[in-house]
Amino acid sequence: MRPPIWPGAIPEQARSGMTKVQLRLSLFARISLSFSNHLMPTAAHALEVSPRVASDGSACICLLDDDLSMLKALDRLLTCEGHTTRKFSDPMVFLESIGQTRCPLAILDIWMPDMNGLEVQEALHKASPETRIIFMSGRDDPSVRQTALDAGAFGFLSKPFDDEALVRMIQGALAS
């Protein structure tokens, strides 16, 4: 077996049984040990293994999109704005969680494989009528936009959208 390229690297055979999270944590531990605490404080760079959920019972913004990169980007933006989020990629899992989550605002994608955003909106209004909804869509279909707004959506954004437009819309939804 040839030696690893970097000191402390995990050889291919040794890591075959590890999950991606374990690999990332292992790599992170090696990287953080090679820097002094002045340059890179370990606590500031810890990896998030589970979704941020308001464990103290406070409200959180629920994000639903089948595009994982979009969920990650929205989570980062809203976290930087001081919000607590909960991410979902499956509409059924999202709807099942509504009973256990205080969710004053949900940001939903329209086009998803198993259930579209309008169907999620209908089910969400039955389960949690006080939850405001902001839709986002990669396809700007005026009839879908109007249907969502007529059914009570607070707002509708076409992807790609400006971060500031989303932040303003969120502030308006939470204030109303």
C-alpha atoms as a PDB file:
ATOM      1  CA  MET A   1       0.000   0.000   0.000  1.00  0.00           C
ATOM      2  CA  ARG A   2       1.377   3.414  -0.904  1.00  0.00           C
ATOM      3  CA  PRO A   3       1.646   6.101   1.813  1.00  0.00           C
ATOM      4  CA  PRO A   4      -1.090   8.760   2.109  1.00  0.00           C
ATOM      5  CA  ILE A   5      -0.571  11.978   0.160  1.00  0.00           C
ATOM      6  CA  TRP A   6      -0.990  14.171   3.277  1.00  0.00           C
ATOM      7  CA  PRO A   7       0.257  13.385   6.767  1.00  0.00           C
ATOM      8  CA  GLY A   8      -2.621  12.027   8.833  1.00  0.00           C
ATOM      9  CA  ALA A   9      -4.744  11.138   5.779  1.00  0.00           C
ATOM     10  CA  ILE A  10      -6.961   8.096   6.085  1.00  0.00           C
ATOM     11  CA  PRO A  11      -5.986   5.330   3.613  1.00  0.00           C
ATOM     12  CA  GLU A  12      -8.775   4.203   1.251  1.00  0.00           C
ATOM     13  CA  GLN A  13      -9.182   0.761   2.873  1.00  0.00           C
ATOM     14  CA  ALA A  14      -9.400   2.173   6.405  1.00  0.00           C
ATOM     15  CA  ARG A  15     -12.148   4.653   5.585  1.00  0.00           C
ATOM     16  CA  SER A  16     -14.417   2.361   3.557  1.00  0.00           C
ATOM     17  CA  GLY A  17     -16.744   1.731   6.503  1.00  0.00           C
ATOM     18  CA  MET A  18     -17.023   5.402   7.536  1.00  0.00           C
ATOM     19  CA  THR A  19     -19.968   7.651   6.776  1.00  0.00           C
ATOM     20  CA  LYS A  20     -19.473  11.014   5.077  1.00  0.00           C
ATOM     21  CA  VAL A  21     -20.126  12.788   8.384  1.00  0.00           C
ATOM     22  CA  GLN A  22     -17.488  10.674  10.124  1.00  0.00           C
ATOM     23  CA  LEU A  23     -15.016  11.401   7.323  1.00  0.00           C
ATOM     24  CA  ARG A  24     -15.710  15.133   7.543  1.00  0.00           C
ATOM     25  CA  LEU A  25     -15.368  15.146  11.327  1.00  0.00           C
ATOM     26  CA  SER A  26     -12.159  13.155  11.093  1.00  0.00           C
ATOM     27  CA  LEU A  27     -10.748  15.504   8.473  1.00  0.00           C
ATOM     28  CA  PHE A  28     -11.873  18.545  10.470  1.00  0.00           C
ATOM     29  CA  ALA A  29     -10.167  17.244  13.617  1.00  0.00           C
ATOM     30  CA  ARG A  30      -6.900  16.809  11.722  1.00  0.00           C
ATOM     31  CA  ILE A  31      -7.113  20.247  10.121  1.00  0.00           C
ATOM     32  CA  SER A  32      -7.999  22.069  13.323  1.00  0.00           C
ATOM     33  CA  LEU A  33      -5.104  20.427  15.173  1.00  0.00           C
ATOM     34  CA  SER A  34      -2.631  21.718  12.608  1.00  0.00           C
ATOM     35  CA  PHE A  35      -3.513  25.393  13.283  1.00  0.00           C
ATOM     36  CA  SER A  36      -2.954  27.381  16.423  1.00  0.00           C
ATOM     37  CA  ASN A  37      -6.070  28.428  18.342  1.00  0.00           C
ATOM     38  CA  HIS A  38      -5.260  32.098  17.601  1.00  0.00           C
ATOM     39  CA  LEU A  39      -5.700  31.587  13.886  1.00  0.00           C
ATOM     40  CA  MET A  40      -8.617  29.165  13.837  1.00  0.00           C
ATOM     41  CA  PRO A  41     -10.670  28.688  16.996  1.00  0.00           C
ATOM     42  CA  THR A  42     -12.073  25.166  16.909  1.00  0.00           C
ATOM     43  CA  ALA A  43     -15.533  26.080  18.232  1.00  0.00           C
ATOM     44  CA  ALA A  44     -16.100  28.588  15.434  1.00  0.00           C
ATOM     45  CA  HIS A  45     -15.600  25.924  12.780  1.00  0.00           C
ATOM     46  CA  ALA A  46     -17.470  22.928  14.182  1.00  0.00           C
ATOM     47  CA  LEU A  47     -19.486  21.000  11.611  1.00  0.00           C
ATOM     48  CA  GLU A  48     -23.251  20.878  11.953  1.00  0.00           C
ATOM     49  CA  VAL A  49     -24.372  17.266  12.024  1.00  0.00           C
ATOM     50  CA  SER A  50     -28.091  17.721  12.720  1.00  0.00           C
ATOM     51  CA  PRO A  51     -30.488  20.435  11.542  1.00  0.00           C
ATOM     52  CA  ARG A  52     -30.872  23.511  13.715  1.00  0.00           C
ATOM     53  CA  VAL A  53     -34.105  23.135  15.641  1.00  0.00           C
ATOM     54  CA  ALA A  54     -35.381  25.473  18.284  1.00  0.00           C
ATOM     55  CA  SER A  55     -34.855  23.191  21.279  1.00  0.00           C
ATOM     56  CA  ASP A  56     -36.139  25.772  23.747  1.00  0.00           C
ATOM     57  CA  GLY A  57     -39.604  25.779  22.159  1.00  0.00           C
ATOM     58  CA  SER A  58     -39.041  29.061  20.324  1.00  0.00           C
ATOM     59  CA  ALA A  59     -40.243  29.484  16.761  1.00  0.00           C
ATOM     60  CA  CYS A  60     -38.205  28.571  13.707  1.00  0.00           C
ATOM     61  CA  ILE A  61     -38.516  29.128   9.979  1.00  0.00           C
ATOM     62  CA  CYS A  62     -39.148  25.899   8.087  1.00  0.00           C
ATOM     63  CA  LEU A  63     -37.462  25.461   4.707  1.00  0.00           C
ATOM     64  CA  LEU A  64     -38.754  22.923   2.170  1.00  0.00           C
ATOM     65  CA  ASP A  65     -36.988  22.285  -1.126  1.00  0.00           C
ATOM     66  CA  ASP A  66     -35.891  19.117  -2.913  1.00  0.00           C
ATOM     67  CA  ASP A  67     -32.671  20.919  -3.952  1.00  0.00           C
ATOM     68  CA  LEU A  68     -30.221  20.360  -1.089  1.00  0.00           C
ATOM     69  CA  SER A  69     -27.870  23.131  -2.233  1.00  0.00           C
ATOM     70  CA  MET A  70     -30.766  25.604  -2.098  1.00  0.00           C
ATOM     71  CA  LEU A  71     -31.641  24.450   1.428  1.00  0.00           C
ATOM     72  CA  LYS A  72     -28.040  24.931   2.517  1.00  0.00           C
ATOM     73  CA  ALA A  73     -27.859  28.426   0.983  1.00  0.00           C
ATOM     74  CA  LEU A  74     -31.165  29.494   2.560  1.00  0.00           C
ATOM     75  CA  ASP A  75     -30.082  28.104   5.918  1.00  0.00           C
ATOM     76  CA  ARG A  76     -26.835  30.088   5.805  1.00  0.00           C
ATOM     77  CA  LEU A  77     -28.595  33.303   4.805  1.00  0.00           C
ATOM     78  CA  LEU A  78     -31.283  33.043   7.473  1.00  0.00           C
ATOM     79  CA  THR A  79     -28.827  31.981  10.174  1.00  0.00           C
ATOM     80  CA  CYS A  80     -26.714  35.058   9.370  1.00  0.00           C
ATOM     81  CA  GLU A  81     -29.888  37.125   9.760  1.00  0.00           C
ATOM     82  CA  GLY A  82     -30.399  35.676  13.255  1.00  0.00           C
ATOM     83  CA  HIS A  83     -33.192  33.192  12.485  1.00  0.00           C
ATOM     84  CA  THR A  84     -33.431  29.587  13.580  1.00  0.00           C
ATOM     85  CA  THR A  85     -34.276  27.238  10.726  1.00  0.00           C
ATOM     86  CA  ARG A  86     -35.386  23.704  10.173  1.00  0.00           C
ATOM     87  CA  LYS A  87     -34.642  22.156   6.763  1.00  0.00           C
ATOM     88  CA  PHE A  88     -36.703  19.567   4.903  1.00  0.00           C
ATOM     89  CA  SER A  89     -36.276  17.962   1.499  1.00  0.00           C
ATOM     90  CA  ASP A  90     -39.376  15.744   1.741  1.00  0.00           C
ATOM     91  CA  PRO A  91     -42.856  17.343   1.863  1.00  0.00           C
ATOM     92  CA  MET A  92     -44.373  14.463   3.869  1.00  0.00           C
ATOM     93  CA  VAL A  93     -41.688  14.629   6.554  1.00  0.00           C
ATOM     94  CA  PHE A  94     -42.212  18.406   6.731  1.00  0.00           C
ATOM     95  CA  LEU A  95     -45.987  18.061   7.160  1.00  0.00           C
ATOM     96  CA  GLU A  96     -45.567  15.331   9.789  1.00  0.00           C
ATOM     97  CA  SER A  97     -43.252  17.600  11.810  1.00  0.00           C
ATOM     98  CA  ILE A  98     -45.636  20.564  11.936  1.00  0.00           C
ATOM     99  CA  GLY A  99     -47.337  19.263  15.069  1.00  0.00           C
ATOM    100  CA  GLN A 100     -44.030  19.359  16.982  1.00  0.00           C
ATOM    101  CA  THR A 101     -42.602  22.576  15.516  1.00  0.00           C
ATOM    102  CA  ARG A 102     -43.608  26.172  16.155  1.00  0.00           C
ATOM    103  CA  CYS A 103     -43.404  27.412  12.595  1.00  0.00           C
ATOM    104  CA  PRO A 104     -44.637  30.970  12.032  1.00  0.00           C
ATOM    105  CA  LEU A 105     -43.141  30.955   8.519  1.00  0.00           C
ATOM    106  CA  ALA A 106     -42.479  28.297   5.902  1.00  0.00           C
ATOM    107  CA  ILE A 107     -40.470  28.888   2.741  1.00  0.00           C
ATOM    108  CA  LEU A 108     -41.560  26.330   0.157  1.00  0.00           C
ATOM    109  CA  ASP A 109     -40.463  25.326  -3.314  1.00  0.00           C
ATOM    110  CA  ILE A 110     -43.290  24.878  -5.820  1.00  0.00           C
ATOM    111  CA  TRP A 111     -41.927  22.082  -7.997  1.00  0.00           C
ATOM    112  CA  MET A 112     -40.962  18.946  -6.067  1.00  0.00           C
ATOM    113  CA  PRO A 113     -41.159  15.300  -7.195  1.00  0.00           C
ATOM    114  CA  ASP A 114     -43.638  13.714  -4.758  1.00  0.00           C
ATOM    115  CA  MET A 115     -45.909  16.603  -3.856  1.00  0.00           C
ATOM    116  CA  ASN A 116     -45.990  20.110  -5.289  1.00  0.00           C
ATOM    117  CA  GLY A 117     -45.871  23.247  -3.169  1.00  0.00           C
ATOM    118  CA  LEU A 118     -49.546  24.057  -3.722  1.00  0.00           C
ATOM    119  CA  GLU A 119     -50.523  20.677  -2.267  1.00  0.00           C
ATOM    120  CA  VAL A 120     -48.197  21.298   0.676  1.00  0.00           C
ATOM    121  CA  GLN A 121     -49.800  24.738   1.148  1.00  0.00           C
ATOM    122  CA  GLU A 122     -53.267  23.209   1.312  1.00  0.00           C
ATOM    123  CA  ALA A 123     -52.208  20.581   3.880  1.00  0.00           C
ATOM    124  CA  LEU A 124     -50.237  23.159   5.892  1.00  0.00           C
ATOM    125  CA  HIS A 125     -53.225  25.517   6.106  1.00  0.00           C
ATOM    126  CA  LYS A 126     -55.259  22.670   7.619  1.00  0.00           C
ATOM    127  CA  ALA A 127     -52.549  21.643  10.109  1.00  0.00           C
ATOM    128  CA  SER A 128     -51.241  25.117  11.010  1.00  0.00           C
ATOM    129  CA  PRO A 129     -53.440  27.950   9.712  1.00  0.00           C
ATOM    130  CA  GLU A 130     -51.304  30.620  11.412  1.00  0.00           C
ATOM    131  CA  THR A 131     -48.174  29.673   9.441  1.00  0.00           C
ATOM    132  CA  ARG A 132     -47.277  32.217   6.753  1.00  0.00           C
ATOM    133  CA  ILE A 133     -45.932  30.852   3.466  1.00  0.00           C
ATOM    134  CA  ILE A 134     -43.403  32.286   1.043  1.00  0.00           C
ATOM    135  CA  PHE A 135     -43.037  30.366  -2.197  1.00  0.00           C
ATOM    136  CA  MET A 136     -40.005  30.167  -4.435  1.00  0.00           C
ATOM    137  CA  SER A 137     -39.881  28.645  -7.874  1.00  0.00           C
ATOM    138  CA  GLY A 138     -37.386  28.083 -10.663  1.00  0.00           C
ATOM    139  CA  ARG A 139     -40.223  28.389 -13.194  1.00  0.00           C
ATOM    140  CA  ASP A 140     -42.125  31.655 -13.111  1.00  0.00           C
ATOM    141  CA  ASP A 141     -45.592  30.533 -14.148  1.00  0.00           C
ATOM    142  CA  PRO A 142     -48.033  33.448 -13.628  1.00  0.00           C
ATOM    143  CA  SER A 143     -51.023  31.114 -13.131  1.00  0.00           C
ATOM    144  CA  VAL A 144     -49.190  29.118 -10.423  1.00  0.00           C
ATOM    145  CA  ARG A 145     -48.052  32.359  -8.773  1.00  0.00           C
ATOM    146  CA  GLN A 146     -51.629  33.675  -8.729  1.00  0.00           C
ATOM    147  CA  THR A 147     -53.033  30.380  -7.448  1.00  0.00           C
ATOM    148  CA  ALA A 148     -50.526  30.371  -4.560  1.00  0.00           C
ATOM    149  CA  LEU A 149     -51.247  33.991  -3.636  1.00  0.00           C
ATOM    150  CA  ASP A 150     -55.035  33.497  -3.908  1.00  0.00           C
ATOM    151  CA  ALA A 151     -54.737  30.501  -1.562  1.00  0.00           C
ATOM    152  CA  GLY A 152     -53.120  32.724   1.075  1.00  0.00           C
ATOM    153  CA  ALA A 153     -49.374  32.725   0.384  1.00  0.00           C
ATOM    154  CA  PHE A 154     -47.631  35.784   1.795  1.00  0.00           C
ATOM    155  CA  GLY A 155     -45.220  36.047  -1.118  1.00  0.00           C
ATOM    156  CA  PHE A 156     -43.736  34.420  -4.187  1.00  0.00           C
ATOM    157  CA  LEU A 157     -40.153  34.691  -5.470  1.00  0.00           C
ATOM    158  CA  SER A 158     -38.716  33.417  -8.743  1.00  0.00           C
ATOM    159  CA  LYS A 159     -35.305  31.738  -8.571  1.00  0.00           C
ATOM    160  CA  PRO A 160     -32.750  33.122  -8.695  1.00  0.00           C
ATOM    161  CA  PHE A 161     -33.822  35.902  -6.358  1.00  0.00           C
ATOM    162  CA  ASP A 162     -32.021  38.659  -4.520  1.00  0.00           C
ATOM    163  CA  ASP A 163     -31.136  37.765  -0.915  1.00  0.00           C
ATOM    164  CA  GLU A 164     -32.310  41.176   0.288  1.00  0.00           C
ATOM    165  CA  ALA A 165     -35.721  40.687  -1.368  1.00  0.00           C
ATOM    166  CA  LEU A 166     -36.147  37.434   0.552  1.00  0.00           C
ATOM    167  CA  VAL A 167     -34.998  38.992   3.831  1.00  0.00           C
ATOM    168  CA  ARG A 168     -37.466  41.886   3.424  1.00  0.00           C
ATOM    169  CA  MET A 169     -40.271  39.459   2.586  1.00  0.00           C
ATOM    170  CA  ILE A 170     -39.432  37.360   5.672  1.00  0.00           C
ATOM    171  CA  GLN A 171     -39.450  40.445   7.894  1.00  0.00           C
ATOM    172  CA  GLY A 172     -42.844  41.433   6.511  1.00  0.00           C
ATOM    173  CA  ALA A 173     -44.286  37.936   6.991  1.00  0.00           C
ATOM    174  CA  LEU A 174     -43.044  37.677  10.579  1.00  0.00           C
ATOM    175  CA  ALA A 175     -44.302  41.174  11.416  1.00  0.00           C
ATOM    176  CA  SER A 176     -47.842  40.572  10.125  1.00  0.00           C
END
